[in-house]
């Protein structure tokens, strides 16, 4: 069955392991870190009627249900997953012609995971068909990035599409949903589809979020046009990452206009930046933003730091994820620490300012929960932000552990490699020697 995206908070797991007995998108058994920073806290997906039928091995009925779901999806990412899952079910039901037709439709809608298609035992019955090899062959050469940091792509076409849709929607408010679908979502990149299917969920929800911040969104256009000006600084950071970690790989960096639900995230195909959360300047009105939003919208000139943080996440695929708070703060704090190394500043500088003089208290609180599943008290916990206590302090804690690990290591490149590929969060922490 198909592999889908799950969900992260401020910033996010790429390779999900497949249990042959269940749809891949229901499983997060081994969460490695390429989709993982767009997705904390991790929320289990609701089991649909189609999933239940699949698990009960009623494959023909499950296929029909997945197909019906696909016809009602607003975003291509969900549509292609449903089409792929329908294909799997029809293959298992012995309906190979229907299975091939649906697999072809899934690929036409952007399903590109060739490795999963080839290893998925649900599709084994199709392998001997004469049309199998020609169908999947074009996927073999698809690349989602480059090992050369100087050739990394910065993609802003979705931002251009947004402003076209925005201007039309301002003139015709009655038809805003159709306008945003036609001019922003439907022609949008696959990265935009991934972002919106996990971070926004529906076009109506998107429009409602913008309605709550009308003055804000009306003011940010000029700052959203500055991405290209910061591209040289982004590339410079990528070059430094390559020097620190020769195995580094650089997916596209795609910018979108979101709904204040994620400033940065990583999918299987791209680093995705919610540009509306990275456009602060003195002339941008903040009155419509919540306390956490005002404190966490980054200045437009800090874009290279945010992108550096997310590019570190894109290179965390070797990490063995576990459910402890410790593991989560290491993943996020590492992105802050290495992001600072390559770009000159951490993406969460305000946490370091607040923590000064409070280090021992923060550490004492953290140690009470570090081996529990308590990330929601330390990461993506915007509901706990107060004027006297910031949310997201897990980033600061993880930064301190990773810094201690790096500083203690005589071989800095080896330290970075170990950091990006740690298998045991407790052993990593203990090796750092940190005890504030």
Foldseek 3Di string as FASTA:
>chain_A
DDAAAWAAFAAAFADADDDLLFPRNQGRPWGFFQQGHRHPPTDGDDQDPLRVCVNVLVLQVSLVVLCVVLVPALFLRSNLRSLQSSLLSCLSVVNNVSSVVSPLVSVVSPDQPLVCVVPNPSNVSNPPDPCVCVSNVVSVPDDLFFLQLVPAAEAEVLVVLVVVLVVVCVVPVVCSLVSCSVRHRVVHDVVVSSCCVHQQNGSVSFVVLCVLVVQQVVPQSVLSVCPVVCVVLLSQLSVVVCVLAVVATHGHEYEHQTRPGYQWGGYNRYTYGNCSLADDDPPRDDVSPDPQSVLRRHHSNCVSLSSQLSSLSNLLNQEGDDQFLLRVLLSLLVSQQSSCVRNVHGSNVVLVVLCVVVVQVVLVVCVVGRGHNPNCQAGSVCVPDDPNDHHNNSNVVNNVQLVLQQVPDPRNSVSSVCSSNPYDSVVSSVNSVDDD
